[in-house]
Amino acid sequence: MYYELFNKIIEDNENKICIFEIGAFYVVIDEQAMYLSELLGLKKVCFASGICKVGFPLNSLEKYMKKLQDLSISFVVLSAYTYK
């Protein structure tokens, strides 16, 4: 259920990294996760071919926002709970 919803949100935010707040972490999925894994050195976890995620704790958001801003990468931070 959430996977399809997240993909729709990603489509609606074209050209932006979508960072989803899920529980105690922020998570980025799929191609965006693979990109951030290489760019920022975040650990990537893949569930199947092309279905991957990276994440970081809530208290690290400012750190990663700064890194993305310094690299001129557009992003949006979203709460998963907003889209139930």
Protein backbone atom coordinates (compact mmCIF):
# COMPACT_ATOMS: atom_id res chain seq x y z
CA MET A 1 0.00 0.00 0.00
CA TYR A 2 2.60 2.58 1.04
CA TYR A 3 5.02 1.64 -1.74
CA GLU A 4 2.56 2.64 -4.47
CA LEU A 5 1.68 5.81 -2.58
CA PHE A 6 5.34 6.75 -2.16
CA ASN A 7 5.94 6.23 -5.88
CA LYS A 8 2.99 8.52 -6.69
CA ILE A 9 4.40 11.20 -4.38
CA ILE A 10 7.80 10.86 -6.06
CA GLU A 11 6.15 11.31 -9.47
CA ASP A 12 4.33 14.40 -8.18
CA ASN A 13 7.63 15.87 -6.95
CA GLU A 14 9.60 15.40 -10.15
CA ASN A 15 13.25 16.46 -9.97
CA LYS A 16 13.25 16.44 -6.15
CA ILE A 17 14.58 13.89 -3.70
CA CYS A 18 11.63 12.77 -1.57
CA ILE A 19 12.56 12.17 2.06
CA PHE A 20 9.80 10.38 3.97
CA GLU A 21 9.47 10.52 7.76
CA ILE A 22 8.64 6.99 8.90
CA GLY A 23 8.76 6.25 12.61
CA ALA A 24 12.12 7.25 14.07
CA PHE A 25 13.79 7.59 10.65
CA TYR A 26 13.75 9.50 7.40
CA VAL A 27 13.78 7.17 4.40
CA VAL A 28 14.43 7.59 0.67
CA ILE A 29 13.42 4.78 -1.72
CA ASP A 30 14.27 3.21 -5.07
CA GLU A 31 16.40 5.11 -7.61
CA GLN A 32 16.68 8.08 -5.29
CA ALA A 33 17.99 5.77 -2.56
CA MET A 34 20.63 4.33 -4.87
CA TYR A 35 21.67 7.84 -5.89
CA LEU A 36 21.99 9.09 -2.29
CA SER A 37 23.81 5.93 -1.26
CA GLU A 38 26.54 6.67 -3.78
CA LEU A 39 26.53 10.43 -3.29
CA LEU A 40 26.40 10.63 0.51
CA GLY A 41 27.66 7.20 1.53
CA LEU A 42 24.38 6.16 3.15
CA LYS A 43 23.94 2.41 3.67
CA LYS A 44 21.56 0.99 1.06
CA VAL A 45 19.22 -1.90 1.83
CA CYS A 46 17.59 -3.67 -1.13
CA PHE A 47 14.55 -5.91 -0.82
CA ALA A 48 14.52 -6.90 -4.51
CA SER A 49 16.16 -5.69 -7.71
CA GLY A 50 15.61 -1.93 -7.86
CA ILE A 51 13.58 -1.81 -4.64
CA CYS A 52 15.95 -0.21 -2.17
CA LYS A 53 15.99 2.26 0.68
CA VAL A 54 18.42 4.43 2.60
CA GLY A 55 17.65 6.15 5.85
CA PHE A 56 18.88 8.18 8.75
CA PRO A 57 17.56 9.02 12.25
CA LEU A 58 15.19 11.94 12.78
CA ASN A 59 17.85 13.90 14.65
CA SER A 60 20.13 13.86 11.56
CA LEU A 61 17.74 15.69 9.22
CA GLU A 62 19.50 19.06 9.41
CA LYS A 63 22.85 17.42 8.62
CA TYR A 64 21.54 15.78 5.44
CA MET A 65 19.49 18.81 4.41
CA LYS A 66 22.68 20.88 4.58
CA LYS A 67 24.59 18.33 2.49
CA LEU A 68 21.87 18.33 -0.18
CA GLN A 69 21.67 22.13 -0.18
CA ASP A 70 25.47 22.39 -0.52
CA LEU A 71 25.24 20.11 -3.57
CA SER A 72 22.31 22.16 -4.98
CA ILE A 73 20.02 19.13 -4.90
CA SER A 74 16.30 19.86 -4.59
CA PHE A 75 14.42 17.84 -2.00
CA VAL A 76 11.17 17.69 -0.10
CA VAL A 77 10.61 16.25 3.39
CA LEU A 78 7.26 14.49 3.87
CA SER A 79 5.54 12.71 6.71
CA ALA A 80 4.22 9.28 5.72
CA TYR A 81 1.39 9.78 8.17
CA THR A 82 0.04 12.69 6.12
CA TYR A 83 -0.80 10.31 3.27
CA LYS A 84 -2.85 7.61 5.00
